[in-house]
Structure formats: structure tokens, C-alpha cells
PDB file of all heavy atoms in Angstrom:
ATOM      1  N   LEU A   1     162.292 180.550  85.400  1.00  0.00           N
ATOM      2  CA  LEU A   1     161.427 181.637  85.811  1.00  0.00           C
ATOM      3  C   LEU A   1     161.237 182.697  84.755  1.00  0.00           C
ATOM      4  O   LEU A   1     162.189 183.067  83.986  1.00  0.00           O
ATOM      5  CB  LEU A   1     162.081 182.341  87.103  1.00  0.00           C
ATOM      6  CG  LEU A   1     162.228 181.483  88.337  1.00  0.00           C
ATOM      7  CD1 LEU A   1     162.982 182.300  89.414  1.00  0.00           C
ATOM      8  CD2 LEU A   1     160.859 181.057  88.838  1.00  0.00           C
ATOM      9  N   TYR A   2     159.939 183.163  84.661  1.00  0.00           N
ATOM     10  CA  TYR A   2     159.661 184.198  83.705  1.00  0.00           C
ATOM     11  C   TYR A   2     158.879 185.407  84.432  1.00  0.00           C
ATOM     12  O   TYR A   2     158.327 185.112  85.443  1.00  0.00           O
ATOM     13  CB  TYR A   2     158.804 183.700  82.554  1.00  0.00           C
ATOM     14  CG  TYR A   2     159.517 182.751  81.617  1.00  0.00           C
ATOM     15  CD1 TYR A   2     159.557 181.408  81.930  1.00  0.00           C
ATOM     16  CD2 TYR A   2     160.320 183.205  80.595  1.00  0.00           C
ATOM     17  CE1 TYR A   2     160.189 180.468  81.002  1.00  0.00           C
ATOM     18  CE2 TYR A   2     161.000 182.349  79.682  1.00  0.00           C
ATOM     19  CZ  TYR A   2     160.982 181.061  79.979  1.00  0.00           C
ATOM     20  OH  TYR A   2     161.648 180.164  79.105  1.00  0.00           O
ATOM     21  N   LEU A   3     158.945 186.583  83.798  1.00  0.00           N
ATOM     22  CA  LEU A   3     158.133 187.700  84.282  1.00  0.00           C
ATOM     23  C   LEU A   3     158.671 188.106  85.681  1.00  0.00           C
ATOM     24  O   LEU A   3     159.861 188.113  85.939  1.00  0.00           O
ATOM     25  CB  LEU A   3     156.679 187.385  84.380  1.00  0.00           C
ATOM     26  CG  LEU A   3     156.046 186.924  82.982  1.00  0.00           C
ATOM     27  CD1 LEU A   3     154.572 186.718  83.105  1.00  0.00           C
ATOM     28  CD2 LEU A   3     156.233 187.960  81.857  1.00  0.00           C
ATOM     29  N   HIS A   4     157.813 188.574  86.590  1.00  0.00           N
ATOM     30  CA  HIS A   4     158.257 189.100  87.908  1.00  0.00           C
ATOM     31  C   HIS A   4     157.147 188.810  88.927  1.00  0.00           C
ATOM     32  O   HIS A   4     156.110 188.086  88.689  1.00  0.00           O
ATOM     33  CB  HIS A   4     158.481 190.610  87.802  1.00  0.00           C
ATOM     34  CG  HIS A   4     157.317 191.386  87.130  1.00  0.00           C
ATOM     35  ND1 HIS A   4     157.242 191.573  85.799  1.00  0.00           N
ATOM     36  CD2 HIS A   4     156.213 191.895  87.670  1.00  0.00           C
ATOM     37  CE1 HIS A   4     156.113 192.241  85.489  1.00  0.00           C
ATOM     38  NE2 HIS A   4     155.523 192.429  86.714  1.00  0.00           N
ATOM     39  N   GLY A   5     157.281 189.396  90.123  1.00  0.00           N
ATOM     40  CA  GLY A   5     156.223 189.320  91.083  1.00  0.00           C
ATOM     41  C   GLY A   5     156.424 188.236  92.077  1.00  0.00           C
ATOM     42  O   GLY A   5     155.477 188.044  92.988  1.00  0.00           O
ATOM     43  N   LEU A   6     157.507 187.579  92.155  1.00  0.00           N
ATOM     44  CA  LEU A   6     157.717 186.557  93.201  1.00  0.00           C
ATOM     45  C   LEU A   6     157.836 187.387  94.557  1.00  0.00           C
ATOM     46  O   LEU A   6     158.307 188.485  94.607  1.00  0.00           O
ATOM     47  CB  LEU A   6     159.085 185.827  92.976  1.00  0.00           C
ATOM     48  CG  LEU A   6     158.980 184.628  91.917  1.00  0.00           C
ATOM     49  CD1 LEU A   6     160.351 183.976  91.675  1.00  0.00           C
ATOM     50  CD2 LEU A   6     157.993 183.540  92.409  1.00  0.00           C
ATOM     51  N   PRO A   7     157.503 186.665  95.621  1.00  0.00           N
ATOM     52  CA  PRO A   7     157.743 187.287  96.945  1.00  0.00           C
ATOM     53  C   PRO A   7     159.204 187.799  97.099  1.00  0.00           C
ATOM     54  O   PRO A   7     160.136 187.087  96.669  1.00  0.00           O
ATOM     55  CB  PRO A   7     157.455 186.154  97.958  1.00  0.00           C
ATOM     56  CG  PRO A   7     156.464 185.251  97.146  1.00  0.00           C
ATOM     57  CD  PRO A   7     156.927 185.351  95.813  1.00  0.00           C
ATOM     58  N   TYR A   8     159.355 188.935  97.598  1.00  0.00           N
ATOM     59  CA  TYR A   8     160.672 189.592  97.674  1.00  0.00           C
ATOM     60  C   TYR A   8     161.757 188.839  98.249  1.00  0.00           C
ATOM     61  O   TYR A   8     162.893 188.743  97.698  1.00  0.00           O
ATOM     62  CB  TYR A   8     160.554 190.933  98.417  1.00  0.00           C
ATOM     63  CG  TYR A   8     161.641 191.910  98.136  1.00  0.00           C
ATOM     64  CD1 TYR A   8     161.516 192.845  97.098  1.00  0.00           C
ATOM     65  CD2 TYR A   8     162.821 191.949  98.945  1.00  0.00           C
ATOM     66  CE1 TYR A   8     162.527 193.654  96.834  1.00  0.00           C
ATOM     67  CE2 TYR A   8     163.828 192.917  98.633  1.00  0.00           C
ATOM     68  CZ  TYR A   8     163.629 193.736  97.652  1.00  0.00           C
ATOM     69  OH  TYR A   8     164.701 194.690  97.373  1.00  0.00           O
ATOM     70  N   ALA A   9     161.461 188.007  99.240  1.00  0.00           N
ATOM     71  CA  ALA A   9     162.512 187.331  99.927  1.00  0.00           C
ATOM     72  C   ALA A   9     163.074 186.201  99.066  1.00  0.00           C
ATOM     73  O   ALA A   9     164.208 185.752  99.180  1.00  0.00           O
ATOM     74  CB  ALA A   9     162.040 186.698 101.257  1.00  0.00           C
ATOM     75  N   MET A  10     162.288 185.659  98.108  1.00  0.00           N
ATOM     76  CA  MET A  10     162.690 184.596  97.323  1.00  0.00           C
ATOM     77  C   MET A  10     162.946 184.904  95.895  1.00  0.00           C
ATOM     78  O   MET A  10     163.303 184.124  95.095  1.00  0.00           O
ATOM     79  CB  MET A  10     161.684 183.421  97.413  1.00  0.00           C
ATOM     80  CG  MET A  10     160.261 183.757  96.871  1.00  0.00           C
ATOM     81  SD  MET A  10     159.113 182.436  97.144  1.00  0.00           S
ATOM     82  CE  MET A  10     158.962 182.459  98.864  1.00  0.00           C
ATOM     83  N   ALA A  11     162.617 186.245  95.473  1.00  0.00           N
ATOM     84  CA  ALA A  11     162.788 186.570  94.063  1.00  0.00           C
ATOM     85  C   ALA A  11     164.337 186.660  93.724  1.00  0.00           C
ATOM     86  O   ALA A  11     165.078 187.108  94.565  1.00  0.00           O
ATOM     87  CB  ALA A  11     162.153 187.926  93.876  1.00  0.00           C
ATOM     88  N   PRO A  12     164.679 186.292  92.479  1.00  0.00           N
ATOM     89  CA  PRO A  12     166.057 186.347  92.080  1.00  0.00           C
ATOM     90  C   PRO A  12     166.461 187.812  91.974  1.00  0.00           C
ATOM     91  O   PRO A  12     165.632 188.681  91.762  1.00  0.00           O
ATOM     92  CB  PRO A  12     166.113 185.615  90.755  1.00  0.00           C
ATOM     93  CG  PRO A  12     164.747 185.765  90.257  1.00  0.00           C
ATOM     94  CD  PRO A  12     163.808 185.655  91.466  1.00  0.00           C
ATOM     95  N   ASP A  13     167.765 188.103  91.964  1.00  0.00           N
ATOM     96  CA  ASP A  13     168.251 189.461  91.936  1.00  0.00           C
ATOM     97  C   ASP A  13     167.754 190.198  90.609  1.00  0.00           C
ATOM     98  O   ASP A  13     167.612 191.400  90.643  1.00  0.00           O
ATOM     99  CB  ASP A  13     169.790 189.496  91.981  1.00  0.00           C
ATOM    100  CG  ASP A  13     170.257 189.262  93.424  1.00  0.00           C
ATOM    101  OD1 ASP A  13     169.496 189.448  94.296  1.00  0.00           O
ATOM    102  OD2 ASP A  13     171.464 188.968  93.557  1.00  0.00           O
ATOM    103  N   VAL A  14     167.652 189.470  89.491  1.00  0.00           N
ATOM    104  CA  VAL A  14     167.333 190.117  88.269  1.00  0.00           C
ATOM    105  C   VAL A  14     165.881 190.766  88.355  1.00  0.00           C
ATOM    106  O   VAL A  14     165.508 191.693  87.601  1.00  0.00           O
ATOM    107  CB  VAL A  14     167.328 189.170  87.115  1.00  0.00           C
ATOM    108  CG1 VAL A  14     168.758 188.815  86.774  1.00  0.00           C
ATOM    109  CG2 VAL A  14     166.441 187.924  87.298  1.00  0.00           C
ATOM    110  N   GLN A  15     165.039 190.373  89.318  1.00  0.00           N
ATOM    111  CA  GLN A  15     163.742 190.940  89.546  1.00  0.00           C
ATOM    112  C   GLN A  15     163.859 192.170  90.447  1.00  0.00           C
ATOM    113  O   GLN A  15     162.859 192.913  90.585  1.00  0.00           O
ATOM    114  CB  GLN A  15     162.776 189.957  90.084  1.00  0.00           C
ATOM    115  CG  GLN A  15     162.301 188.908  89.211  1.00  0.00           C
ATOM    116  CD  GLN A  15     161.169 188.032  89.591  1.00  0.00           C
ATOM    117  OE1 GLN A  15     160.308 188.490  90.404  1.00  0.00           O
ATOM    118  NE2 GLN A  15     161.047 186.775  89.101  1.00  0.00           N
ATOM    119  N   LYS A  16     165.028 192.340  91.131  1.00  0.00           N
ATOM    120  CA  LYS A  16     165.205 193.446  92.033  1.00  0.00           C
ATOM    121  C   LYS A  16     166.255 194.411  91.717  1.00  0.00           C
ATOM    122  O   LYS A  16     166.280 195.511  92.292  1.00  0.00           O
ATOM    123  CB  LYS A  16     165.498 192.816  93.484  1.00  0.00           C
ATOM    124  CG  LYS A  16     164.361 191.989  93.949  1.00  0.00           C
ATOM    125  CD  LYS A  16     164.605 191.479  95.338  1.00  0.00           C
ATOM    126  CE  LYS A  16     165.563 190.304  95.345  1.00  0.00           C
ATOM    127  NZ  LYS A  16     165.675 189.529  96.574  1.00  0.00           N
ATOM    128  N   GLN A  17     167.129 194.166  90.756  1.00  0.00           N
ATOM    129  CA  GLN A  17     168.186 195.127  90.395  1.00  0.00           C
ATOM    130  C   GLN A  17     167.668 195.949  89.172  1.00  0.00           C
ATOM    131  O   GLN A  17     167.463 195.449  88.131  1.00  0.00           O
ATOM    132  CB  GLN A  17     169.428 194.343  90.078  1.00  0.00           C
ATOM    133  CG  GLN A  17     170.102 193.690  91.287  1.00  0.00           C
ATOM    134  CD  GLN A  17     171.238 192.895  90.952  1.00  0.00           C
ATOM    135  OE1 GLN A  17     171.515 192.418  89.853  1.00  0.00           O
ATOM    136  NE2 GLN A  17     172.120 192.536  91.986  1.00  0.00           N
ATOM    137  N   VAL A  18     167.658 197.236  89.450  1.00  0.00           N
ATOM    138  CA  VAL A  18     167.067 198.167  88.429  1.00  0.00           C
ATOM    139  C   VAL A  18     167.999 199.250  88.004  1.00  0.00           C
ATOM    140  O   VAL A  18     168.879 199.629  88.817  1.00  0.00           O
ATOM    141  CB  VAL A  18     165.742 198.758  89.005  1.00  0.00           C
ATOM    142  CG1 VAL A  18     164.678 197.640  89.238  1.00  0.00           C
ATOM    143  CG2 VAL A  18     166.013 199.524  90.308  1.00  0.00           C
ATOM    144  N   PRO A  19     167.799 199.761  86.856  1.00  0.00           N
ATOM    145  CA  PRO A  19     168.612 200.932  86.395  1.00  0.00           C
ATOM    146  C   PRO A  19     168.153 202.298  87.015  1.00  0.00           C
ATOM    147  O   PRO A  19     167.014 202.518  87.210  1.00  0.00           O
ATOM    148  CB  PRO A  19     168.508 200.965  84.893  1.00  0.00           C
ATOM    149  CG  PRO A  19     167.121 200.269  84.665  1.00  0.00           C
ATOM    150  CD  PRO A  19     166.902 199.311  85.796  1.00  0.00           C
ATOM    151  N   TRP A  20     169.144 203.143  87.354  1.00  0.00           N
ATOM    152  CA  TRP A  20     168.934 204.578  87.746  1.00  0.00           C
ATOM    153  C   TRP A  20     169.829 205.415  86.985  1.00  0.00           C
ATOM    154  O   TRP A  20     171.061 205.359  87.184  1.00  0.00           O
ATOM    155  CB  TRP A  20     169.174 204.645  89.237  1.00  0.00           C
ATOM    156  CG  TRP A  20     168.939 206.023  89.860  1.00  0.00           C
ATOM    157  CD1 TRP A  20     168.986 207.175  89.218  1.00  0.00           C
ATOM    158  CD2 TRP A  20     168.465 206.268  91.245  1.00  0.00           C
ATOM    159  NE1 TRP A  20     168.694 208.226  90.193  1.00  0.00           N
ATOM    160  CE2 TRP A  20     168.383 207.695  91.385  1.00  0.00           C
ATOM    161  CE3 TRP A  20     168.273 205.465  92.357  1.00  0.00           C
ATOM    162  CZ2 TRP A  20     168.084 208.270  92.547  1.00  0.00           C
ATOM    163  CZ3 TRP A  20     167.880 206.051  93.528  1.00  0.00           C
ATOM    164  CH2 TRP A  20     167.761 207.440  93.694  1.00  0.00           C
ATOM    165  N   LEU A  21     169.264 206.221  86.045  1.00  0.00           N
ATOM    166  CA  LEU A  21     170.037 207.039  85.152  1.00  0.00           C
ATOM    167  C   LEU A  21     169.856 208.549  85.510  1.00  0.00           C
ATOM    168  O   LEU A  21     168.677 208.814  85.956  1.00  0.00           O
ATOM    169  CB  LEU A  21     169.774 206.775  83.719  1.00  0.00           C
ATOM    170  CG  LEU A  21     169.830 205.339  83.235  1.00  0.00           C
ATOM    171  CD1 LEU A  21     169.410 205.339  81.742  1.00  0.00           C
ATOM    172  CD2 LEU A  21     171.098 204.698  83.458  1.00  0.00           C
ATOM    173  N   THR A  22     170.872 209.378  85.325  1.00  0.00           N
ATOM    174  CA  THR A  22     170.761 210.773  85.581  1.00  0.00           C
ATOM    175  C   THR A  22     171.339 211.535  84.425  1.00  0.00           C
ATOM    176  O   THR A  22     172.477 211.335  84.045  1.00  0.00           O
ATOM    177  CB  THR A  22     171.359 211.177  86.924  1.00  0.00           C
ATOM    178  OG1 THR A  22     170.858 210.385  87.957  1.00  0.00           O
ATOM    179  CG2 THR A  22     171.091 212.614  87.330  1.00  0.00           C
ATOM    180  N   TRP A  23     170.557 212.591  84.005  1.00  0.00           N
ATOM    181  CA  TRP A  23     171.183 213.596  83.021  1.00  0.00           C
ATOM    182  C   TRP A  23     170.860 215.010  83.582  1.00  0.00           C
ATOM    183  O   TRP A  23     169.758 215.309  84.008  1.00  0.00           O
ATOM    184  CB  TRP A  23     170.602 213.523  81.609  1.00  0.00           C
ATOM    185  CG  TRP A  23     171.098 214.557  80.720  1.00  0.00           C
ATOM    186  CD1 TRP A  23     172.120 214.543  79.916  1.00  0.00           C
ATOM    187  CD2 TRP A  23     170.358 215.858  80.527  1.00  0.00           C
ATOM    188  NE1 TRP A  23     172.238 215.764  79.231  1.00  0.00           N
ATOM    189  CE2 TRP A  23     171.159 216.562  79.584  1.00  0.00           C
ATOM    190  CE3 TRP A  23     169.151 216.402  80.996  1.00  0.00           C
ATOM    191  CZ2 TRP A  23     170.803 217.849  79.092  1.00  0.00           C
ATOM    192  CZ3 TRP A  23     168.870 217.642  80.494  1.00  0.00           C
ATOM    193  CH2 TRP A  23     169.640 218.345  79.582  1.00  0.00           C
ATOM    194  N   LEU A  24     171.956 215.840  83.620  1.00  0.00           N
ATOM    195  CA  LEU A  24     171.793 217.231  84.286  1.00  0.00           C
ATOM    196  C   LEU A  24     172.364 218.093  83.164  1.00  0.00           C
ATOM    197  O   LEU A  24     173.390 218.024  82.624  1.00  0.00           O
ATOM    198  CB  LEU A  24     172.621 217.276  85.454  1.00  0.00           C
ATOM    199  CG  LEU A  24     172.490 216.331  86.613  1.00  0.00           C
ATOM    200  CD1 LEU A  24     173.361 216.610  87.732  1.00  0.00           C
ATOM    201  CD2 LEU A  24     171.056 216.415  87.171  1.00  0.00           C
ATOM    202  N   SER A  25     171.553 219.174  82.846  1.00  0.00           N
ATOM    203  CA  SER A  25     172.013 220.168  82.102  1.00  0.00           C
ATOM    204  C   SER A  25     173.148 220.982  82.720  1.00  0.00           C
ATOM    205  O   SER A  25     173.142 221.026  84.046  1.00  0.00           O
ATOM    206  CB  SER A  25     170.889 221.138  81.636  1.00  0.00           C
ATOM    207  OG  SER A  25     170.500 221.931  82.792  1.00  0.00           O
ATOM    208  N   PRO A  26     174.083 221.607  82.124  1.00  0.00           N
ATOM    209  CA  PRO A  26     175.060 222.349  82.772  1.00  0.00           C
ATOM    210  C   PRO A  26     174.496 223.430  83.695  1.00  0.00           C
ATOM    211  O   PRO A  26     175.014 223.663  84.834  1.00  0.00           O
ATOM    212  CB  PRO A  26     175.786 222.970  81.623  1.00  0.00           C
ATOM    213  CG  PRO A  26     175.626 222.059  80.460  1.00  0.00           C
ATOM    214  CD  PRO A  26     174.266 221.579  80.624  1.00  0.00           C
ATOM    215  N   ALA A  27     173.449 224.082  83.267  1.00  0.00           N
ATOM    216  CA  ALA A  27     172.792 225.105  84.103  1.00  0.00           C
ATOM    217  C   ALA A  27     172.237 224.511  85.374  1.00  0.00           C
ATOM    218  O   ALA A  27     172.304 225.154  86.502  1.00  0.00           O
ATOM    219  CB  ALA A  27     171.712 225.908  83.352  1.00  0.00           C
ATOM    220  N   PHE A  28     171.604 223.253  85.287  1.00  0.00           N
ATOM    221  CA  PHE A  28     171.046 222.679  86.498  1.00  0.00           C
ATOM    222  C   PHE A  28     172.154 222.269  87.490  1.00  0.00           C
ATOM    223  O   PHE A  28     172.024 222.346  88.628  1.00  0.00           O
ATOM    224  CB  PHE A  28     170.161 221.464  86.003  1.00  0.00           C
ATOM    225  CG  PHE A  28     169.331 220.864  87.167  1.00  0.00           C
ATOM    226  CD1 PHE A  28     168.084 221.425  87.462  1.00  0.00           C
ATOM    227  CD2 PHE A  28     169.827 219.939  88.035  1.00  0.00           C
ATOM    228  CE1 PHE A  28     167.320 220.842  88.575  1.00  0.00           C
ATOM    229  CE2 PHE A  28     169.192 219.470  89.077  1.00  0.00           C
ATOM    230  CZ  PHE A  28     167.853 219.872  89.330  1.00  0.00           C
ATOM    231  N   ALA A  29     173.142 221.721  86.889  1.00  0.00           N
ATOM    232  CA  ALA A  29     174.280 221.246  87.700  1.00  0.00           C
ATOM    233  C   ALA A  29     174.850 222.420  88.461  1.00  0.00           C
ATOM    234  O   ALA A  29     175.232 222.367  89.638  1.00  0.00           O
ATOM    235  CB  ALA A  29     175.389 220.531  86.834  1.00  0.00           C
ATOM    236  N   ALA A  30     174.983 223.601  87.744  1.00  0.00           N
ATOM    237  CA  ALA A  30     175.484 224.814  88.495  1.00  0.00           C
ATOM    238  C   ALA A  30     174.535 225.284  89.471  1.00  0.00           C
ATOM    239  O   ALA A  30     174.986 225.679  90.568  1.00  0.00           O
ATOM    240  CB  ALA A  30     175.744 225.908  87.414  1.00  0.00           C
ATOM    241  N   ARG A  31     173.329 225.132  89.170  1.00  0.00           N
ATOM    242  CA  ARG A  31     172.251 225.674  90.118  1.00  0.00           C
ATOM    243  C   ARG A  31     172.351 224.889  91.436  1.00  0.00           C
ATOM    244  O   ARG A  31     172.163 225.317  92.502  1.00  0.00           O
ATOM    245  CB  ARG A  31     170.879 225.507  89.501  1.00  0.00           C
ATOM    246  CG  ARG A  31     169.683 225.970  90.285  1.00  0.00           C
ATOM    247  CD  ARG A  31     168.300 225.545  89.681  1.00  0.00           C
ATOM    248  NE  ARG A  31     167.273 226.173  90.238  1.00  0.00           N
ATOM    249  CZ  ARG A  31     166.656 227.292  89.702  1.00  0.00           C
ATOM    250  NH1 ARG A  31     167.157 227.833  88.559  1.00  0.00           N
ATOM    251  NH2 ARG A  31     165.645 227.802  90.405  1.00  0.00           N
ATOM    252  N   GLN A  32     172.565 223.593  91.254  1.00  0.00           N
ATOM    253  CA  GLN A  32     172.634 222.620  92.383  1.00  0.00           C
ATOM    254  C   GLN A  32     174.085 222.490  93.008  1.00  0.00           C
ATOM    255  O   GLN A  32     174.201 221.830  94.016  1.00  0.00           O
ATOM    256  CB  GLN A  32     172.110 221.270  91.975  1.00  0.00           C
ATOM    257  CG  GLN A  32     170.610 221.113  91.755  1.00  0.00           C
ATOM    258  CD  GLN A  32     170.010 220.606  93.000  1.00  0.00           C
ATOM    259  OE1 GLN A  32     170.397 219.657  93.586  1.00  0.00           O
ATOM    260  NE2 GLN A  32     168.940 221.275  93.418  1.00  0.00           N
ATOM    261  N   GLN A  33     175.042 223.182  92.339  1.00  0.00           N
ATOM    262  CA  GLN A  33     176.416 222.989  92.704  1.00  0.00           C
ATOM    263  C   GLN A  33     176.860 221.483  92.777  1.00  0.00           C
ATOM    264  O   GLN A  33     177.465 221.089  93.725  1.00  0.00           O
ATOM    265  CB  GLN A  33     176.740 223.680  94.076  1.00  0.00           C
ATOM    266  CG  GLN A  33     176.493 225.157  94.010  1.00  0.00           C
ATOM    267  CD  GLN A  33     177.001 225.968  95.274  1.00  0.00           C
ATOM    268  OE1 GLN A  33     177.701 225.324  95.991  1.00  0.00           O
ATOM    269  NE2 GLN A  33     176.533 227.196  95.456  1.00  0.00           N
ATOM    270  N   LEU A  34     176.415 220.800  91.785  1.00  0.00           N
ATOM    271  CA  LEU A  34     176.741 219.307  91.719  1.00  0.00           C
ATOM    272  C   LEU A  34     177.991 219.103  90.900  1.00  0.00           C
ATOM    273  O   LEU A  34     178.235 219.676  89.835  1.00  0.00           O
ATOM    274  CB  LEU A  34     175.640 218.514  91.008  1.00  0.00           C
ATOM    275  CG  LEU A  34     174.369 218.337  91.895  1.00  0.00           C
ATOM    276  CD1 LEU A  34     173.120 217.868  91.152  1.00  0.00           C
ATOM    277  CD2 LEU A  34     174.673 217.311  92.989  1.00  0.00           C
ATOM    278  N   ASP A  35     178.845 218.221  91.542  1.00  0.00           N
ATOM    279  CA  ASP A  35     180.143 217.962  90.872  1.00  0.00           C
ATOM    280  C   ASP A  35     179.996 216.630  90.137  1.00  0.00           C
ATOM    281  O   ASP A  35     179.816 215.526  90.650  1.00  0.00           O
ATOM    282  CB  ASP A  35     181.209 217.728  91.987  1.00  0.00           C
ATOM    283  CG  ASP A  35     182.611 217.517  91.473  1.00  0.00           C
ATOM    284  OD1 ASP A  35     182.733 217.064  90.373  1.00  0.00           O
ATOM    285  OD2 ASP A  35     183.566 217.901  92.238  1.00  0.00           O
ATOM    286  N   ALA A  36     180.037 216.776  88.750  1.00  0.00           N
ATOM    287  CA  ALA A  36     179.896 215.665  87.892  1.00  0.00           C
ATOM    288  C   ALA A  36     180.930 214.571  88.081  1.00  0.00           C
ATOM    289  O   ALA A  36     180.616 213.365  88.012  1.00  0.00           O
ATOM    290  CB  ALA A  36     179.980 216.101  86.372  1.00  0.00           C
ATOM    291  N   ALA A  37     182.211 214.878  88.321  1.00  0.00           N
ATOM    292  CA  ALA A  37     183.204 213.878  88.602  1.00  0.00           C
ATOM    293  C   ALA A  37     182.930 213.170  89.800  1.00  0.00           C
ATOM    294  O   ALA A  37     183.142 211.910  89.881  1.00  0.00           O
ATOM    295  CB  ALA A  37     184.597 214.623  88.634  1.00  0.00           C
ATOM    296  N   CYS A  38     182.432 213.759  90.811  1.00  0.00           N
ATOM    297  CA  CYS A  38     182.078 213.195  92.122  1.00  0.00           C
ATOM    298  C   CYS A  38     180.998 212.148  91.886  1.00  0.00           C
ATOM    299  O   CYS A  38     181.029 211.078  92.363  1.00  0.00           O
ATOM    300  CB  CYS A  38     181.663 214.200  93.104  1.00  0.00           C
ATOM    301  SG  CYS A  38     180.966 213.531  94.645  1.00  0.00           S
ATOM    302  N   LEU A  39     179.985 212.589  91.146  1.00  0.00           N
ATOM    303  CA  LEU A  39     178.829 211.617  90.837  1.00  0.00           C
ATOM    304  C   LEU A  39     179.346 210.430  90.068  1.00  0.00           C
ATOM    305  O   LEU A  39     178.901 209.301  90.305  1.00  0.00           O
ATOM    306  CB  LEU A  39     177.743 212.358  90.046  1.00  0.00           C
ATOM    307  CG  LEU A  39     176.872 213.416  90.788  1.00  0.00           C
ATOM    308  CD1 LEU A  39     175.993 214.091  89.835  1.00  0.00           C
ATOM    309  CD2 LEU A  39     176.112 212.757  91.933  1.00  0.00           C
ATOM    310  N   ALA A  40     180.186 210.613  89.057  1.00  0.00           N
ATOM    311  CA  ALA A  40     180.686 209.470  88.239  1.00  0.00           C
ATOM    312  C   ALA A  40     181.523 208.512  89.191  1.00  0.00           C
ATOM    313  O   ALA A  40     181.456 207.346  89.020  1.00  0.00           O
ATOM    314  CB  ALA A  40     181.571 209.982  87.102  1.00  0.00           C
ATOM    315  N   ALA A  41     182.206 209.041  90.101  1.00  0.00           N
ATOM    316  CA  ALA A  41     183.006 208.208  91.058  1.00  0.00           C
ATOM    317  C   ALA A  41     182.198 207.375  91.944  1.00  0.00           C
ATOM    318  O   ALA A  41     182.574 206.340  92.530  1.00  0.00           O
ATOM    319  CB  ALA A  41     184.000 209.074  91.787  1.00  0.00           C
TER     320      ALA A  41
END
């Protein structure tokens, strides 16, 4: 198999598993009261 676009029910996981990355400045994390250690866990 190459590329993507297979019907969702039959598509392999590599076509459906995607990266989600997050970077927060210290000021933004403080503004949101986000706990970096909690997010990492």
C-alpha cells in the first residue's frame, strides 16, 4: 500500500495515527495554569 485515502474502516493504522505536538511558553503556561509535569505524564 502507498499514499492514503483508503476507506476509514479498512485503512491501516499508519494512515490514521498522527502526531500531536505542543510547545508552551512559560508565560502562556502560567496564564493557563498548566502543569507541565502533568502533561508529560
